[in-house]
N, C-alpha and C. Protein backbone atom coordinates (compact mmCIF):
# COMPACT_ATOMS: atom_id res chain seq x y z
N UNK A 1 30.11 20.18 -1.03
CA UNK A 1 30.70 19.30 -0.22
C UNK A 1 30.82 18.21 -1.92
N UNK A 2 32.51 17.95 -2.29
CA UNK A 2 32.43 17.74 -3.52
C UNK A 2 33.33 16.63 -2.71
N UNK A 3 33.02 14.91 -2.83
CA UNK A 3 33.93 14.01 -1.64
C UNK A 3 34.55 13.32 -3.76
N UNK A 4 36.15 13.57 -3.15
CA UNK A 4 36.89 12.35 -4.34
C UNK A 4 37.15 11.27 -4.63
N UNK A 5 36.50 10.13 -4.84
CA UNK A 5 36.85 8.80 -4.81
C UNK A 5 37.50 8.27 -5.97
N UNK A 6 38.11 7.30 -6.13
CA UNK A 6 38.65 6.62 -6.93
C UNK A 6 37.86 5.29 -7.07
N UNK A 7 38.19 5.00 -8.47
CA UNK A 7 36.79 3.90 -9.12
C UNK A 7 37.07 3.28 -10.88
N UNK A 8 37.77 2.36 -10.54
CA UNK A 8 38.48 1.41 -11.87
C UNK A 8 39.73 2.51 -12.29
N UNK A 9 40.53 2.94 -11.18
CA UNK A 9 41.87 3.60 -11.41
C UNK A 9 41.58 5.13 -11.79
N UNK A 10 40.09 5.88 -11.99
CA UNK A 10 39.64 6.75 -12.47
C UNK A 10 39.44 7.80 -11.29
N UNK A 11 39.47 9.72 -11.46
CA UNK A 11 38.99 10.15 -10.51
C UNK A 11 37.08 10.38 -11.06
N UNK A 12 36.57 9.76 -9.86
CA UNK A 12 34.94 10.07 -9.76
C UNK A 12 33.91 11.24 -8.90
N UNK A 13 33.71 12.41 -9.38
CA UNK A 13 32.67 12.93 -8.17
C UNK A 13 31.72 12.18 -7.59
N UNK A 14 32.45 11.93 -6.56
CA UNK A 14 31.42 10.97 -5.98
C UNK A 14 29.96 12.33 -5.60
N UNK A 15 29.86 13.14 -5.74
CA UNK A 15 28.20 14.13 -5.37
C UNK A 15 27.63 13.41 -6.10
N UNK A 16 28.08 13.76 -7.42
CA UNK A 16 27.78 13.83 -8.48
C UNK A 16 26.77 12.16 -9.09
N UNK A 17 27.66 10.85 -8.08
CA UNK A 17 27.09 9.44 -8.01
C UNK A 17 26.05 9.38 -7.33
N UNK A 18 26.47 10.36 -5.78
CA UNK A 18 25.72 10.01 -4.94
C UNK A 18 24.01 11.21 -5.46
N UNK A 19 23.91 11.76 -6.24
CA UNK A 19 23.51 12.54 -6.33
C UNK A 19 21.89 11.58 -8.12
N UNK A 20 23.08 10.85 -8.64
CA UNK A 20 22.15 10.24 -9.53
C UNK A 20 21.98 8.98 -8.39
N UNK A 21 22.28 8.46 -7.63
CA UNK A 21 21.92 6.93 -6.88
C UNK A 21 20.65 7.81 -6.76
N UNK A 22 20.69 8.49 -6.09
CA UNK A 22 19.40 9.39 -5.45
C UNK A 22 18.42 9.48 -6.11
N UNK A 23 18.11 10.04 -6.94
CA UNK A 23 16.85 10.26 -7.87
C UNK A 23 16.99 9.18 -8.83
N UNK A 24 17.75 7.77 -9.21
CA UNK A 24 17.15 6.71 -8.88
C UNK A 24 16.13 6.06 -8.15
N UNK A 25 17.14 6.31 -6.71
CA UNK A 25 16.56 5.66 -5.65
C UNK A 25 14.79 6.60 -5.10
N UNK A 26 15.02 7.68 -5.39
CA UNK A 26 13.69 8.25 -5.68
C UNK A 26 12.50 8.02 -6.56
N UNK A 27 13.28 7.87 -7.55
CA UNK A 27 12.16 7.09 -8.87
C UNK A 27 11.81 5.90 -7.84
N UNK A 28 12.57 5.18 -7.48
CA UNK A 28 11.70 3.81 -7.23
C UNK A 28 10.94 3.94 -5.11
N UNK A 29 11.65 5.02 -4.82
CA UNK A 29 10.54 5.09 -3.56
C UNK A 29 9.51 6.07 -3.46
N UNK A 30 9.65 6.59 -5.03
CA UNK A 30 7.61 7.15 -5.77
C UNK A 30 7.20 6.49 -6.39
N UNK A 31 7.62 4.88 -6.71
CA UNK A 31 6.81 4.04 -7.52
C UNK A 31 6.55 3.00 -6.66
N UNK A 32 7.24 2.74 -5.02
CA UNK A 32 6.64 2.13 -4.03
C UNK A 32 5.85 2.94 -3.99
N UNK A 33 5.80 4.22 -3.33
CA UNK A 33 4.83 4.59 -2.58
C UNK A 33 3.04 4.75 -3.80
N UNK A 34 3.23 4.86 -4.96
CA UNK A 34 1.97 4.63 -5.52
C UNK A 34 1.53 2.98 -5.25
N UNK A 35 2.33 2.18 -5.70
CA UNK A 35 1.58 0.69 -5.20
C UNK A 35 1.50 0.93 -3.59
N UNK A 36 1.67 0.88 -2.75
CA UNK A 36 1.43 1.17 -1.22
C UNK A 36 -0.03 1.88 -1.31
N UNK A 37 -0.12 3.05 -2.09
CA UNK A 37 -1.10 4.04 -2.16
C UNK A 37 -2.64 2.88 -2.38
N UNK A 38 -1.93 2.27 -3.91
CA UNK A 38 -2.71 1.11 -4.58
C UNK A 38 -3.40 0.10 -3.75
N UNK A 39 -2.33 -0.28 -2.81
CA UNK A 39 -2.75 -1.20 -1.82
C UNK A 39 -3.33 -0.64 -0.83
N UNK A 40 -2.87 0.24 0.49
CA UNK A 40 -3.97 0.88 1.11
C UNK A 40 -5.06 1.39 0.43
N UNK A 41 -5.36 1.59 -0.38
CA UNK A 41 -7.34 2.09 -0.73
C UNK A 41 -8.02 0.98 -1.18
N UNK A 42 -7.20 -0.07 -1.63
CA UNK A 42 -7.82 -1.66 -1.73
C UNK A 42 -8.31 -1.99 -0.73
N UNK A 43 -7.27 -1.80 0.49
CA UNK A 43 -7.76 -2.63 1.64
C UNK A 43 -8.97 -1.66 2.73
N UNK A 44 -9.14 -0.38 2.12
CA UNK A 44 -10.09 -0.43 2.90
C UNK A 44 -11.42 0.02 2.12
N UNK A 45 -11.45 -0.43 0.66
CA UNK A 45 -12.01 -1.29 0.22
C UNK A 45 -12.72 -2.44 0.31
N UNK A 46 -11.67 -2.95 0.79
CA UNK A 46 -11.94 -4.66 1.41
C UNK A 46 -12.87 -3.99 2.38
N UNK A 47 -12.49 -3.93 3.81
CA UNK A 47 -13.05 -3.13 4.99
C UNK A 47 -14.27 -3.11 4.89
N UNK A 48 -14.63 -1.50 3.41
CA UNK A 48 -16.02 -1.27 3.71
C UNK A 48 -16.80 -2.89 3.64
N UNK A 49 -16.07 -3.27 2.19
CA UNK A 49 -17.12 -4.52 1.73
C UNK A 49 -16.83 -6.06 2.51
N UNK A 50 -16.57 -6.31 3.04
CA UNK A 50 -16.42 -6.68 4.88
C UNK A 50 -17.58 -6.66 5.07
N UNK A 51 -17.46 -5.39 5.58
CA UNK A 51 -19.02 -4.33 6.93
C UNK A 51 -19.65 -4.75 6.17
N UNK A 52 -20.05 -4.60 5.16
CA UNK A 52 -21.03 -4.36 3.94
C UNK A 52 -22.10 -5.75 4.16
N UNK A 53 -20.50 -6.72 4.17
CA UNK A 53 -21.82 -8.27 3.89
C UNK A 53 -21.96 -8.54 5.10
N UNK A 54 -21.32 -8.36 6.18
CA UNK A 54 -21.19 -8.48 8.02
C UNK A 54 -22.50 -8.13 8.15
N UNK A 55 -22.57 -6.75 7.54
CA UNK A 55 -24.25 -6.57 7.94
C UNK A 55 -25.88 -7.08 7.16
N UNK A 56 -25.30 -7.29 6.50
CA UNK A 56 -26.05 -8.69 4.54
C UNK A 56 -26.31 -9.38 5.84
N UNK A 57 -25.21 -9.99 6.04
CA UNK A 57 -25.35 -11.40 6.52
C UNK A 57 -26.31 -11.19 8.23
N UNK A 58 -25.81 -10.47 8.99
CA UNK A 58 -26.45 -9.94 10.41
C UNK A 58 -28.30 -9.64 10.02
N UNK A 59 -28.62 -9.26 9.41
CA UNK A 59 -30.19 -8.84 8.59
C UNK A 59 -30.37 -9.72 8.27
N UNK A 60 -29.17 -10.89 7.49
CA UNK A 60 -30.90 -12.53 6.92
C UNK A 60 -30.65 -12.96 7.84
N UNK A 61 -29.79 -12.83 9.11
CA UNK A 61 -29.61 -13.97 10.63
C UNK A 61 -30.54 -13.55 10.95
N UNK A 62 -31.02 -12.73 11.63
CA UNK A 62 -32.49 -11.66 12.37
C UNK A 62 -33.98 -11.71 11.33
N UNK A 63 -33.28 -12.12 9.97
CA UNK A 63 -34.87 -12.52 9.48
C UNK A 63 -35.32 -13.52 9.97
N UNK A 64 -34.14 -14.47 9.81
CA UNK A 64 -34.61 -16.07 9.93
C UNK A 64 -34.73 -15.88 11.58
N UNK A 65 -34.09 -15.51 12.40
CA UNK A 65 -35.01 -15.35 13.89
C UNK A 65 -36.08 -15.32 13.94
N UNK A 66 -36.45 -13.83 13.52
CA UNK A 66 -37.82 -13.70 13.68
C UNK A 66 -38.69 -14.78 13.34
N UNK A 67 -38.52 -15.11 12.03
CA UNK A 67 -39.32 -16.23 11.27
C UNK A 67 -39.27 -17.27 11.97
N UNK A 68 -37.98 -17.95 12.55
CA UNK A 68 -38.87 -19.04 13.20
C UNK A 68 -39.24 -18.69 14.76
N UNK A 69 -39.59 -18.07 15.06
CA UNK A 69 -40.17 -17.33 16.32
C UNK A 69 -41.49 -17.54 16.30
N UNK A 70 -42.09 -16.70 15.20
CA UNK A 70 -43.04 -16.60 15.09
C UNK A 70 -43.69 -17.75 13.90
N UNK A 71 -42.62 -18.72 13.85
CA UNK A 71 -43.86 -19.70 13.22
C UNK A 71 -43.47 -21.15 14.82
N UNK A 72 -43.49 -20.57 15.41
CA UNK A 72 -43.47 -21.43 16.94
C UNK A 72 -44.83 -21.56 17.25
């Protein structure tokens, strides 16, 4: 299905223009998707790191709680 439209006095094939735009949009979307993938992975890594830190702090806190109870 070809759509003809007028631009600056000349007639262009609307489908070719639409396809060209979609290729550009696909390229932009692919780039965005890659960036989102990187961000999502880094979010997972950050969550993993937060969990590790929390566990370390809990272990340190438990150690000092035991020590303070034993000292009294």
